[in-house]
Amino acid sequence: INNMVTGVSTGFAIELEVDGVGYRVEMDGIKLVLYVGFSHPFIIDPPEGVFFEVDSKIRLVRVCGFDKEVIGQLASEIRKIRPPEPYLGKGIRYKGEKIRRKAGKAGKGAKK
């Protein structure tokens, strides 16, 4: 019940960062358009009571609305399109999320 009251009075928002060379995010009316390295863009229609805010300069997407559960689910689905990968760190991640990075291949002669 407390989340319902908070949602109506102030609203909820989840921020997602889009990180990667050539990755872009933009709005087309109320729809969110993601260019994240596939041969086609992903177009996401917001459900009832949810809207997007986009800062294309820093590639930030804010999923805003009244229902915390719906916002969390939609943010999770957006993140699943291109989850952050551990080698280069590119992908879609929650703002402030730490990605555990892995070392790449050891180069030629590294085993000596």
PDB file of N, CA and C in Angstrom:
ATOM      1  N   ILE A   1       0.842  -1.192   0.000  1.00  0.00           N
ATOM      2  CA  ILE A   1       0.000   0.000   0.000  1.00  0.00           C
ATOM      3  C   ILE A   1       0.879   1.245   0.000  1.00  0.00           C
ATOM      4  N   ASN A   2       1.983   1.197   0.749  1.00  0.00           N
ATOM      5  CA  ASN A   2       2.878   2.348   0.811  1.00  0.00           C
ATOM      6  C   ASN A   2       3.446   2.685  -0.569  1.00  0.00           C
ATOM      7  N   ASN A   3       3.792   1.663  -1.369  1.00  0.00           N
ATOM      8  CA  ASN A   3       4.305   1.916  -2.717  1.00  0.00           C
ATOM      9  C   ASN A   3       3.252   2.549  -3.609  1.00  0.00           C
ATOM     10  N   MET A   4       1.989   2.190  -3.424  1.00  0.00           N
ATOM     11  CA  MET A   4       0.919   2.794  -4.218  1.00  0.00           C
ATOM     12  C   MET A   4       0.791   4.279  -3.905  1.00  0.00           C
ATOM     13  N   VAL A   5       0.852   4.615  -2.611  1.00  0.00           N
ATOM     14  CA  VAL A   5       0.753   6.022  -2.203  1.00  0.00           C
ATOM     15  C   VAL A   5       1.952   6.807  -2.728  1.00  0.00           C
ATOM     16  N   THR A   6       3.142   6.242  -2.580  1.00  0.00           N
ATOM     17  CA  THR A   6       4.352   6.908  -3.069  1.00  0.00           C
ATOM     18  C   THR A   6       4.314   7.064  -4.583  1.00  0.00           C
ATOM     19  N   GLY A   7       3.841   6.047  -5.286  1.00  0.00           N
ATOM     20  CA  GLY A   7       3.768   6.091  -6.742  1.00  0.00           C
ATOM     21  C   GLY A   7       2.863   7.189  -7.241  1.00  0.00           C
ATOM     22  N   VAL A   8       1.722   7.365  -6.593  1.00  0.00           N
ATOM     23  CA  VAL A   8       0.776   8.390  -7.025  1.00  0.00           C
ATOM     24  C   VAL A   8       1.288   9.779  -6.656  1.00  0.00           C
ATOM     25  N   SER A   9       1.906   9.909  -5.474  1.00  0.00           N
ATOM     26  CA  SER A   9       2.334  11.238  -5.037  1.00  0.00           C
ATOM     27  C   SER A   9       3.618  11.702  -5.737  1.00  0.00           C
ATOM     28  N   THR A  10       4.664  10.869  -5.755  1.00  0.00           N
ATOM     29  CA  THR A  10       5.930  11.306  -6.353  1.00  0.00           C
ATOM     30  C   THR A  10       6.313  10.521  -7.602  1.00  0.00           C
ATOM     31  N   GLY A  11       5.886   9.287  -7.728  1.00  0.00           N
ATOM     32  CA  GLY A  11       6.245   8.452  -8.869  1.00  0.00           C
ATOM     33  C   GLY A  11       7.556   7.725  -8.640  1.00  0.00           C
ATOM     34  N   PHE A  12       7.811   6.751  -9.473  1.00  0.00           N
ATOM     35  CA  PHE A  12       9.039   5.969  -9.403  1.00  0.00           C
ATOM     36  C   PHE A  12       9.804   6.136 -10.708  1.00  0.00           C
ATOM     37  N   ALA A  13      11.111   5.950 -10.648  1.00  0.00           N
ATOM     38  CA  ALA A  13      11.936   6.014 -11.855  1.00  0.00           C
ATOM     39  C   ALA A  13      13.124   5.073 -11.696  1.00  0.00           C
ATOM     40  N   ILE A  14      13.468   4.399 -12.771  1.00  0.00           N
ATOM     41  CA  ILE A  14      14.664   3.562 -12.823  1.00  0.00           C
ATOM     42  C   ILE A  14      15.492   4.063 -14.000  1.00  0.00           C
ATOM     43  N   GLU A  15      16.780   4.284 -13.752  1.00  0.00           N
ATOM     44  CA  GLU A  15      17.658   4.793 -14.799  1.00  0.00           C
ATOM     45  C   GLU A  15      18.526   3.671 -15.363  1.00  0.00           C
ATOM     46  N   LEU A  16      18.648   3.665 -16.682  1.00  0.00           N
ATOM     47  CA  LEU A  16      19.469   2.684 -17.387  1.00  0.00           C
ATOM     48  C   LEU A  16      20.523   3.420 -18.209  1.00  0.00           C
ATOM     49  N   GLU A  17      21.752   2.918 -18.183  1.00  0.00           N
ATOM     50  CA  GLU A  17      22.830   3.484 -18.987  1.00  0.00           C
ATOM     51  C   GLU A  17      23.066   2.583 -20.193  1.00  0.00           C
ATOM     52  N   VAL A  18      23.217   3.190 -21.361  1.00  0.00           N
ATOM     53  CA  VAL A  18      23.522   2.450 -22.582  1.00  0.00           C
ATOM     54  C   VAL A  18      24.967   2.774 -22.929  1.00  0.00           C
ATOM     55  N   ASP A  19      25.831   1.755 -22.880  1.00  0.00           N
ATOM     56  CA  ASP A  19      27.259   1.979 -23.058  1.00  0.00           C
ATOM     57  C   ASP A  19      27.796   1.082 -24.161  1.00  0.00           C
ATOM     58  N   GLY A  20      28.422   1.666 -25.163  1.00  0.00           N
ATOM     59  CA  GLY A  20      29.027   0.895 -26.238  1.00  0.00           C
ATOM     60  C   GLY A  20      29.242   1.764 -27.460  1.00  0.00           C
ATOM     61  N   VAL A  21      30.221   1.414 -28.264  1.00  0.00           N
ATOM     62  CA  VAL A  21      30.529   2.173 -29.467  1.00  0.00           C
ATOM     63  C   VAL A  21      29.386   2.017 -30.462  1.00  0.00           C
ATOM     64  N   GLY A  22      28.833   3.119 -30.918  1.00  0.00           N
ATOM     65  CA  GLY A  22      27.748   3.090 -31.888  1.00  0.00           C
ATOM     66  C   GLY A  22      26.382   2.838 -31.285  1.00  0.00           C
ATOM     67  N   TYR A  23      26.287   2.658 -29.984  1.00  0.00           N
ATOM     68  CA  TYR A  23      24.995   2.444 -29.346  1.00  0.00           C
ATOM     69  C   TYR A  23      24.307   3.794 -29.181  1.00  0.00           C
ATOM     70  N   ARG A  24      23.043   3.843 -29.574  1.00  0.00           N
ATOM     71  CA  ARG A  24      22.286   5.089 -29.461  1.00  0.00           C
ATOM     72  C   ARG A  24      20.919   4.792 -28.877  1.00  0.00           C
ATOM     73  N   VAL A  25      20.332   5.829 -28.301  1.00  0.00           N
ATOM     74  CA  VAL A  25      18.982   5.726 -27.765  1.00  0.00           C
ATOM     75  C   VAL A  25      18.260   7.024 -28.099  1.00  0.00           C
ATOM     76  N   GLU A  26      17.012   6.910 -28.564  1.00  0.00           N
ATOM     77  CA  GLU A  26      16.246   8.101 -28.913  1.00  0.00           C
ATOM     78  C   GLU A  26      14.763   7.828 -28.744  1.00  0.00           C
ATOM     79  N   MET A  27      13.992   8.899 -28.794  1.00  0.00           N
ATOM     80  CA  MET A  27      12.541   8.799 -28.669  1.00  0.00           C
ATOM     81  C   MET A  27      11.910   8.983 -30.045  1.00  0.00           C
ATOM     82  N   ASP A  28      10.821   8.249 -30.290  1.00  0.00           N
ATOM     83  CA  ASP A  28      10.016   8.416 -31.494  1.00  0.00           C
ATOM     84  C   ASP A  28       8.584   8.583 -31.016  1.00  0.00           C
ATOM     85  N   GLY A  29       8.186   9.822 -30.744  1.00  0.00           N
ATOM     86  CA  GLY A  29       6.894  10.067 -30.110  1.00  0.00           C
ATOM     87  C   GLY A  29       6.980   9.628 -28.662  1.00  0.00           C
ATOM     88  N   ILE A  30       6.149   8.647 -28.272  1.00  0.00           N
ATOM     89  CA  ILE A  30       6.239   8.115 -26.909  1.00  0.00           C
ATOM     90  C   ILE A  30       7.033   6.812 -26.867  1.00  0.00           C
ATOM     91  N   LYS A  31       7.461   6.331 -28.037  1.00  0.00           N
ATOM     92  CA  LYS A  31       8.181   5.060 -28.109  1.00  0.00           C
ATOM     93  C   LYS A  31       9.673   5.271 -27.892  1.00  0.00           C
ATOM     94  N   LEU A  32      10.309   4.268 -27.308  1.00  0.00           N
ATOM     95  CA  LEU A  32      11.751   4.269 -27.097  1.00  0.00           C
ATOM     96  C   LEU A  32      12.397   3.458 -28.217  1.00  0.00           C
ATOM     97  N   VAL A  33      13.418   4.032 -28.858  1.00  0.00           N
ATOM     98  CA  VAL A  33      14.117   3.351 -29.945  1.00  0.00           C
ATOM     99  C   VAL A  33      15.564   3.127 -29.511  1.00  0.00           C
ATOM    100  N   LEU A  34      15.986   1.855 -29.510  1.00  0.00           N
ATOM    101  CA  LEU A  34      17.337   1.484 -29.089  1.00  0.00           C
ATOM    102  C   LEU A  34      18.119   0.936 -30.277  1.00  0.00           C
ATOM    103  N   TYR A  35      19.289   1.519 -30.522  1.00  0.00           N
ATOM    104  CA  TYR A  35      20.226   1.000 -31.512  1.00  0.00           C
ATOM    105  C   TYR A  35      21.402   0.441 -30.717  1.00  0.00           C
ATOM    106  N   VAL A  36      21.442  -0.876 -30.561  1.00  0.00           N
ATOM    107  CA  VAL A  36      22.455  -1.478 -29.690  1.00  0.00           C
ATOM    108  C   VAL A  36      23.228  -2.600 -30.383  1.00  0.00           C
ATOM    109  N   GLY A  37      23.645  -2.350 -31.620  1.00  0.00           N
ATOM    110  CA  GLY A  37      24.544  -3.274 -32.290  1.00  0.00           C
ATOM    111  C   GLY A  37      23.887  -4.388 -33.070  1.00  0.00           C
ATOM    112  N   PHE A  38      22.573  -4.403 -33.161  1.00  0.00           N
ATOM    113  CA  PHE A  38      21.898  -5.400 -33.980  1.00  0.00           C
ATOM    114  C   PHE A  38      21.635  -4.806 -35.359  1.00  0.00           C
ATOM    115  N   SER A  39      21.178  -5.621 -36.293  1.00  0.00           N
ATOM    116  CA  SER A  39      20.913  -5.140 -37.641  1.00  0.00           C
ATOM    117  C   SER A  39      19.618  -4.334 -37.714  1.00  0.00           C
ATOM    118  N   HIS A  40      18.869  -4.303 -36.634  1.00  0.00           N
ATOM    119  CA  HIS A  40      17.600  -3.580 -36.603  1.00  0.00           C
ATOM    120  C   HIS A  40      17.475  -2.870 -35.254  1.00  0.00           C
ATOM    121  N   PRO A  41      16.748  -1.751 -35.229  1.00  0.00           N
ATOM    122  CA  PRO A  41      16.528  -1.081 -33.936  1.00  0.00           C
ATOM    123  C   PRO A  41      15.441  -1.789 -33.135  1.00  0.00           C
ATOM    124  N   PHE A  42      15.512  -1.665 -31.814  1.00  0.00           N
ATOM    125  CA  PHE A  42      14.461  -2.167 -30.946  1.00  0.00           C
ATOM    126  C   PHE A  42      13.535  -1.014 -30.619  1.00  0.00           C
ATOM    127  N   ILE A  43      12.246  -1.190 -30.886  1.00  0.00           N
ATOM    128  CA  ILE A  43      11.246  -0.163 -30.601  1.00  0.00           C
ATOM    129  C   ILE A  43      10.382  -0.681 -29.467  1.00  0.00           C
ATOM    130  N   ILE A  44      10.303   0.095 -28.381  1.00  0.00           N
ATOM    131  CA  ILE A  44       9.578  -0.336 -27.191  1.00  0.00           C
ATOM    132  C   ILE A  44       8.422   0.614 -26.937  1.00  0.00           C
ATOM    133  N   ASP A  45       7.208   0.059 -26.924  1.00  0.00           N
ATOM    134  CA  ASP A  45       6.013   0.830 -26.576  1.00  0.00           C
ATOM    135  C   ASP A  45       5.838   0.797 -25.068  1.00  0.00           C
ATOM    136  N   PRO A  46       5.648   1.948 -24.433  1.00  0.00           N
ATOM    137  CA  PRO A  46       5.439   1.931 -22.981  1.00  0.00           C
ATOM    138  C   PRO A  46       4.042   1.424 -22.636  1.00  0.00           C
ATOM    139  N   PRO A  47       3.912   0.626 -21.583  1.00  0.00           N
ATOM    140  CA  PRO A  47       2.581   0.215 -21.149  1.00  0.00           C
ATOM    141  C   PRO A  47       1.827   1.389 -20.522  1.00  0.00           C
ATOM    142  N   GLU A  48       0.580   1.164 -20.195  1.00  0.00           N
ATOM    143  CA  GLU A  48      -0.272   2.196 -19.588  1.00  0.00           C
ATOM    144  C   GLU A  48       0.363   2.723 -18.305  1.00  0.00           C
ATOM    145  N   GLY A  49       0.459   4.043 -18.182  1.00  0.00           N
ATOM    146  CA  GLY A  49       0.969   4.656 -16.961  1.00  0.00           C
ATOM    147  C   GLY A  49       2.482   4.717 -16.857  1.00  0.00           C
ATOM    148  N   VAL A  50       3.193   4.386 -17.939  1.00  0.00           N
ATOM    149  CA  VAL A  50       4.656   4.422 -17.934  1.00  0.00           C
ATOM    150  C   VAL A  50       5.114   5.328 -19.070  1.00  0.00           C
ATOM    151  N   PHE A  51       6.154   6.116 -18.811  1.00  0.00           N
ATOM    152  CA  PHE A  51       6.728   6.940 -19.871  1.00  0.00           C
ATOM    153  C   PHE A  51       8.246   6.923 -19.757  1.00  0.00           C
ATOM    154  N   PHE A  52       8.891   7.299 -20.850  1.00  0.00           N
ATOM    155  CA  PHE A  52      10.352   7.291 -20.916  1.00  0.00           C
ATOM    156  C   PHE A  52      10.876   8.715 -20.982  1.00  0.00           C
ATOM    157  N   GLU A  53      12.042   8.931 -20.379  1.00  0.00           N
ATOM    158  CA  GLU A  53      12.797  10.165 -20.560  1.00  0.00           C
ATOM    159  C   GLU A  53      14.175   9.746 -21.054  1.00  0.00           C
ATOM    160  N   VAL A  54      14.678  10.440 -22.070  1.00  0.00           N
ATOM    161  CA  VAL A  54      15.942  10.051 -22.687  1.00  0.00           C
ATOM    162  C   VAL A  54      16.892  11.241 -22.705  1.00  0.00           C
ATOM    163  N   ASP A  55      18.131  10.996 -22.299  1.00  0.00           N
ATOM    164  CA  ASP A  55      19.208  11.964 -22.477  1.00  0.00           C
ATOM    165  C   ASP A  55      20.185  11.336 -23.464  1.00  0.00           C
ATOM    166  N   SER A  56      20.066  11.723 -24.737  1.00  0.00           N
ATOM    167  CA  SER A  56      20.870  11.095 -25.790  1.00  0.00           C
ATOM    168  C   SER A  56      22.351  11.414 -25.657  1.00  0.00           C
ATOM    169  N   LYS A  57      22.667  12.555 -25.071  1.00  0.00           N
ATOM    170  CA  LYS A  57      24.067  12.971 -24.948  1.00  0.00           C
ATOM    171  C   LYS A  57      24.869  11.976 -24.104  1.00  0.00           C
ATOM    172  N   ILE A  58      24.316  11.593 -22.943  1.00  0.00           N
ATOM    173  CA  ILE A  58      25.025  10.651 -22.069  1.00  0.00           C
ATOM    174  C   ILE A  58      24.424   9.246 -22.147  1.00  0.00           C
ATOM    175  N   ARG A  59      23.524   9.031 -23.106  1.00  0.00           N
ATOM    176  CA  ARG A  59      22.881   7.729 -23.351  1.00  0.00           C
ATOM    177  C   ARG A  59      22.257   7.160 -22.078  1.00  0.00           C
ATOM    178  N   LEU A  60      21.347   7.936 -21.514  1.00  0.00           N
ATOM    179  CA  LEU A  60      20.656   7.553 -20.285  1.00  0.00           C
ATOM    180  C   LEU A  60      19.162   7.447 -20.571  1.00  0.00           C
ATOM    181  N   VAL A  61      18.535   6.384 -20.087  1.00  0.00           N
ATOM    182  CA  VAL A  61      17.093   6.181 -20.237  1.00  0.00           C
ATOM    183  C   VAL A  61      16.483   6.135 -18.851  1.00  0.00           C
ATOM    184  N   ARG A  62      15.438   6.934 -18.622  1.00  0.00           N
ATOM    185  CA  ARG A  62      14.699   6.868 -17.361  1.00  0.00           C
ATOM    186  C   ARG A  62      13.330   6.271 -17.656  1.00  0.00           C
ATOM    187  N   VAL A  63      13.000   5.199 -16.955  1.00  0.00           N
ATOM    188  CA  VAL A  63      11.683   4.576 -17.044  1.00  0.00           C
ATOM    189  C   VAL A  63      10.895   5.102 -15.849  1.00  0.00           C
ATOM    190  N   CYS A  64       9.850   5.885 -16.104  1.00  0.00           N
ATOM    191  CA  CYS A  64       9.107   6.563 -15.043  1.00  0.00           C
ATOM    192  C   CYS A  64       7.650   6.126 -15.056  1.00  0.00           C
ATOM    193  N   GLY A  65       7.022   6.176 -13.879  1.00  0.00           N
ATOM    194  CA  GLY A  65       5.611   5.848 -13.785  1.00  0.00           C
ATOM    195  C   GLY A  65       5.159   5.719 -12.350  1.00  0.00           C
ATOM    196  N   PHE A  66       3.949   5.189 -12.177  1.00  0.00           N
ATOM    197  CA  PHE A  66       3.325   5.116 -10.860  1.00  0.00           C
ATOM    198  C   PHE A  66       3.466   3.749 -10.208  1.00  0.00           C
ATOM    199  N   ASP A  67       3.498   2.693 -11.006  1.00  0.00           N
ATOM    200  CA  ASP A  67       3.518   1.327 -10.484  1.00  0.00           C
ATOM    201  C   ASP A  67       4.955   0.799 -10.463  1.00  0.00           C
ATOM    202  N   LYS A  68       5.488   0.593  -9.273  1.00  0.00           N
ATOM    203  CA  LYS A  68       6.883   0.175  -9.112  1.00  0.00           C
ATOM    204  C   LYS A  68       7.153  -1.171  -9.777  1.00  0.00           C
ATOM    205  N   GLU A  69       6.204  -2.083  -9.693  1.00  0.00           N
ATOM    206  CA  GLU A  69       6.384  -3.420 -10.264  1.00  0.00           C
ATOM    207  C   GLU A  69       6.473  -3.369 -11.788  1.00  0.00           C
ATOM    208  N   VAL A  70       5.597  -2.594 -12.424  1.00  0.00           N
ATOM    209  CA  VAL A  70       5.588  -2.494 -13.884  1.00  0.00           C
ATOM    210  C   VAL A  70       6.869  -1.833 -14.385  1.00  0.00           C
ATOM    211  N   ILE A  71       7.320  -0.794 -13.683  1.00  0.00           N
ATOM    212  CA  ILE A  71       8.546  -0.098 -14.068  1.00  0.00           C
ATOM    213  C   ILE A  71       9.749  -1.030 -13.953  1.00  0.00           C
ATOM    214  N   GLY A  72       9.833  -1.773 -12.856  1.00  0.00           N
ATOM    215  CA  GLY A  72      10.934  -2.712 -12.667  1.00  0.00           C
ATOM    216  C   GLY A  72      10.952  -3.795 -13.726  1.00  0.00           C
ATOM    217  N   GLN A  73       9.773  -4.308 -14.076  1.00  0.00           N
ATOM    218  CA  GLN A  73       9.674  -5.350 -15.099  1.00  0.00           C
ATOM    219  C   GLN A  73      10.114  -4.823 -16.463  1.00  0.00           C
ATOM    220  N   LEU A  74       9.642  -3.613 -16.817  1.00  0.00           N
ATOM    221  CA  LEU A  74       9.992  -3.032 -18.112  1.00  0.00           C
ATOM    222  C   LEU A  74      11.489  -2.718 -18.183  1.00  0.00           C
ATOM    223  N   ALA A  75      12.051  -2.181 -17.102  1.00  0.00           N
ATOM    224  CA  ALA A  75      13.489  -1.893 -17.071  1.00  0.00           C
ATOM    225  C   ALA A  75      14.295  -3.182 -17.224  1.00  0.00           C
ATOM    226  N   SER A  76      13.831  -4.253 -16.603  1.00  0.00           N
ATOM    227  CA  SER A  76      14.498  -5.547 -16.721  1.00  0.00           C
ATOM    228  C   SER A  76      14.443  -6.066 -18.159  1.00  0.00           C
ATOM    229  N   GLU A  77      13.304  -5.893 -18.825  1.00  0.00           N
ATOM    230  CA  GLU A  77      13.171  -6.346 -20.211  1.00  0.00           C
ATOM    231  C   GLU A  77      14.063  -5.535 -21.147  1.00  0.00           C
ATOM    232  N   ILE A  78      14.189  -4.223 -20.891  1.00  0.00           N
ATOM    233  CA  ILE A  78      15.077  -3.390 -21.703  1.00  0.00           C
ATOM    234  C   ILE A  78      16.524  -3.839 -21.505  1.00  0.00           C
ATOM    235  N   ARG A  79      16.903  -4.123 -20.264  1.00  0.00           N
ATOM    236  CA  ARG A  79      18.273  -4.554 -19.961  1.00  0.00           C
ATOM    237  C   ARG A  79      18.586  -5.892 -20.636  1.00  0.00           C
ATOM    238  N   LYS A  80      17.586  -6.781 -20.744  1.00  0.00           N
ATOM    239  CA  LYS A  80      17.791  -8.098 -21.354  1.00  0.00           C
ATOM    240  C   LYS A  80      18.091  -8.019 -22.851  1.00  0.00           C
ATOM    241  N   ILE A  81      17.737  -6.908 -23.499  1.00  0.00           N
ATOM    242  CA  ILE A  81      18.008  -6.764 -24.932  1.00  0.00           C
ATOM    243  C   ILE A  81      19.503  -6.873 -25.202  1.00  0.00           C
ATOM    244  N   ARG A  82      20.310  -6.189 -24.387  1.00  0.00           N
ATOM    245  CA  ARG A  82      21.763  -6.236 -24.536  1.00  0.00           C
ATOM    246  C   ARG A  82      22.383  -6.104 -23.142  1.00  0.00           C
ATOM    247  N   PRO A  83      22.430  -7.214 -22.384  1.00  0.00           N
ATOM    248  CA  PRO A  83      22.978  -7.134 -21.022  1.00  0.00           C
ATOM    249  C   PRO A  83      24.462  -6.777 -21.049  1.00  0.00           C
ATOM    250  N   PRO A  84      24.966  -6.176 -19.978  1.00  0.00           N
ATOM    251  CA  PRO A  84      26.380  -5.798 -19.963  1.00  0.00           C
ATOM    252  C   PRO A  84      27.269  -7.032 -20.030  1.00  0.00           C
ATOM    253  N   GLU A  85      28.299  -6.948 -20.844  1.00  0.00           N
ATOM    254  CA  GLU A  85      29.170  -8.107 -20.987  1.00  0.00           C
ATOM    255  C   GLU A  85      30.478  -7.863 -20.231  1.00  0.00           C
ATOM    256  N   PRO A  86      31.057  -8.909 -19.660  1.00  0.00           N
ATOM    257  CA  PRO A  86      32.148  -8.745 -18.699  1.00  0.00           C
ATOM    258  C   PRO A  86      33.514  -8.417 -19.301  1.00  0.00           C
ATOM    259  N   TYR A  87      33.690  -8.551 -20.605  1.00  0.00           N
ATOM    260  CA  TYR A  87      35.012  -8.319 -21.187  1.00  0.00           C
ATOM    261  C   TYR A  87      35.232  -6.863 -21.575  1.00  0.00           C
ATOM    262  N   LEU A  88      34.286  -6.265 -22.271  1.00  0.00           N
ATOM    263  CA  LEU A  88      34.425  -4.867 -22.687  1.00  0.00           C
ATOM    264  C   LEU A  88      33.555  -3.936 -21.850  1.00  0.00           C
ATOM    265  N   GLY A  89      32.565  -4.471 -21.158  1.00  0.00           N
ATOM    266  CA  GLY A  89      31.706  -3.654 -20.309  1.00  0.00           C
ATOM    267  C   GLY A  89      30.604  -2.941 -21.055  1.00  0.00           C
ATOM    268  N   LYS A  90      30.407  -3.255 -22.339  1.00  0.00           N
ATOM    269  CA  LYS A  90      29.365  -2.550 -23.062  1.00  0.00           C
ATOM    270  C   LYS A  90      28.042  -3.287 -22.953  1.00  0.00           C
ATOM    271  N   GLY A  91      26.957  -2.549 -23.122  1.00  0.00           N
ATOM    272  CA  GLY A  91      25.622  -3.107 -23.001  1.00  0.00           C
ATOM    273  C   GLY A  91      24.709  -2.133 -22.279  1.00  0.00           C
ATOM    274  N   ILE A  92      23.565  -2.621 -21.840  1.00  0.00           N
ATOM    275  CA  ILE A  92      22.604  -1.805 -21.100  1.00  0.00           C
ATOM    276  C   ILE A  92      22.643  -2.255 -19.650  1.00  0.00           C
ATOM    277  N   ARG A  93      22.848  -1.302 -18.738  1.00  0.00           N
ATOM    278  CA  ARG A  93      22.900  -1.641 -17.318  1.00  0.00           C
ATOM    279  C   ARG A  93      22.168  -0.588 -16.509  1.00  0.00           C
ATOM    280  N   TYR A  94      21.807  -0.987 -15.285  1.00  0.00           N
ATOM    281  CA  TYR A  94      21.189  -0.041 -14.370  1.00  0.00           C
ATOM    282  C   TYR A  94      22.222   0.999 -13.962  1.00  0.00           C
ATOM    283  N   LYS A  95      21.786   2.209 -13.705  1.00  0.00           N
ATOM    284  CA  LYS A  95      22.719   3.253 -13.273  1.00  0.00           C
ATOM    285  C   LYS A  95      23.296   2.868 -11.918  1.00  0.00           C
ATOM    286  N   GLY A  96      24.604   2.915 -11.817  1.00  0.00           N
ATOM    287  CA  GLY A  96      25.279   2.558 -10.576  1.00  0.00           C
ATOM    288  C   GLY A  96      25.586   1.080 -10.436  1.00  0.00           C
ATOM    289  N   GLU A  97      25.155   0.258 -11.391  1.00  0.00           N
ATOM    290  CA  GLU A  97      25.416  -1.183 -11.326  1.00  0.00           C
ATOM    291  C   GLU A  97      26.886  -1.450 -11.628  1.00  0.00           C
ATOM    292  N   LYS A  98      27.506  -2.247 -10.802  1.00  0.00           N
ATOM    293  CA  LYS A  98      28.907  -2.604 -10.997  1.00  0.00           C
ATOM    294  C   LYS A  98      28.977  -3.900 -11.803  1.00  0.00           C
ATOM    295  N   ILE A  99      29.756  -3.885 -12.854  1.00  0.00           N
ATOM    296  CA  ILE A  99      29.943  -5.064 -13.693  1.00  0.00           C
ATOM    297  C   ILE A  99      31.314  -5.655 -13.374  1.00  0.00           C
ATOM    298  N   ARG A 100      31.328  -6.919 -13.013  1.00  0.00           N
ATOM    299  CA  ARG A 100      32.591  -7.592 -12.721  1.00  0.00           C
ATOM    300  C   ARG A 100      33.304  -7.859 -14.038  1.00  0.00           C
ATOM    301  N   ARG A 101      34.446  -7.235 -14.221  1.00  0.00           N
ATOM    302  CA  ARG A 101      35.183  -7.350 -15.472  1.00  0.00           C
ATOM    303  C   ARG A 101      36.104  -8.565 -15.441  1.00  0.00           C
ATOM    304  N   LYS A 102      36.284  -9.169 -16.609  1.00  0.00           N
ATOM    305  CA  LYS A 102      37.180 -10.312 -16.746  1.00  0.00           C
ATOM    306  C   LYS A 102      38.367  -9.915 -17.613  1.00  0.00           C
ATOM    307  N   ALA A 103      39.490 -10.561 -17.381  1.00  0.00           N
ATOM    308  CA  ALA A 103      40.654 -10.342 -18.231  1.00  0.00           C
ATOM    309  C   ALA A 103      40.431 -11.064 -19.547  1.00  0.00           C
ATOM    310  N   GLY A 104      40.935 -10.500 -20.611  1.00  0.00           N
ATOM    311  CA  GLY A 104      40.823 -11.143 -21.914  1.00  0.00           C
ATOM    312  C   GLY A 104      41.837 -12.260 -22.039  1.00  0.00           C
ATOM    313  N   LYS A 105      42.074 -12.688 -23.258  1.00  0.00           N
ATOM    314  CA  LYS A 105      43.061 -13.740 -23.492  1.00  0.00           C
ATOM    315  C   LYS A 105      44.449 -13.228 -23.126  1.00  0.00           C
ATOM    316  N   ALA A 106      45.250 -14.115 -22.581  1.00  0.00           N
ATOM    317  CA  ALA A 106      46.653 -13.765 -22.352  1.00  0.00           C
ATOM    318  C   ALA A 106      47.320 -13.750 -23.713  1.00  0.00           C
ATOM    319  N   GLY A 107      48.078 -12.764 -24.024  1.00  0.00           N
ATOM    320  CA  GLY A 107      48.656 -12.632 -25.362  1.00  0.00           C
ATOM    321  C   GLY A 107      49.739 -13.650 -25.654  1.00  0.00           C
ATOM    322  N   LYS A 108      50.406 -13.486 -26.773  1.00  0.00           N
ATOM    323  CA  LYS A 108      51.473 -14.389 -27.206  1.00  0.00           C
ATOM    324  C   LYS A 108      52.640 -14.308 -26.220  1.00  0.00           C
ATOM    325  N   GLY A 109      53.095 -15.446 -25.749  1.00  0.00           N
ATOM    326  CA  GLY A 109      54.234 -15.486 -24.844  1.00  0.00           C
ATOM    327  C   GLY A 109      53.905 -15.124 -23.407  1.00  0.00           C
ATOM    328  N   ALA A 110      52.655 -15.082 -23.038  1.00  0.00           N
ATOM    329  CA  ALA A 110      52.280 -14.666 -21.689  1.00  0.00           C
ATOM    330  C   ALA A 110      52.479 -15.777 -20.665  1.00  0.00           C
ATOM    331  N   LYS A 111      52.599 -17.044 -21.115  1.00  0.00           N
ATOM    332  CA  LYS A 111      52.708 -18.159 -20.169  1.00  0.00           C
ATOM    333  C   LYS A 111      54.124 -18.356 -19.638  1.00  0.00           C
ATOM    334  N   LYS A 112      55.094 -17.681 -20.191  1.00  0.00           N
ATOM    335  CA  LYS A 112      56.497 -17.869 -19.777  1.00  0.00           C
ATOM    336  C   LYS A 112      56.743 -17.407 -18.403  1.00  0.00           C
TER     337      LYS A 112
END
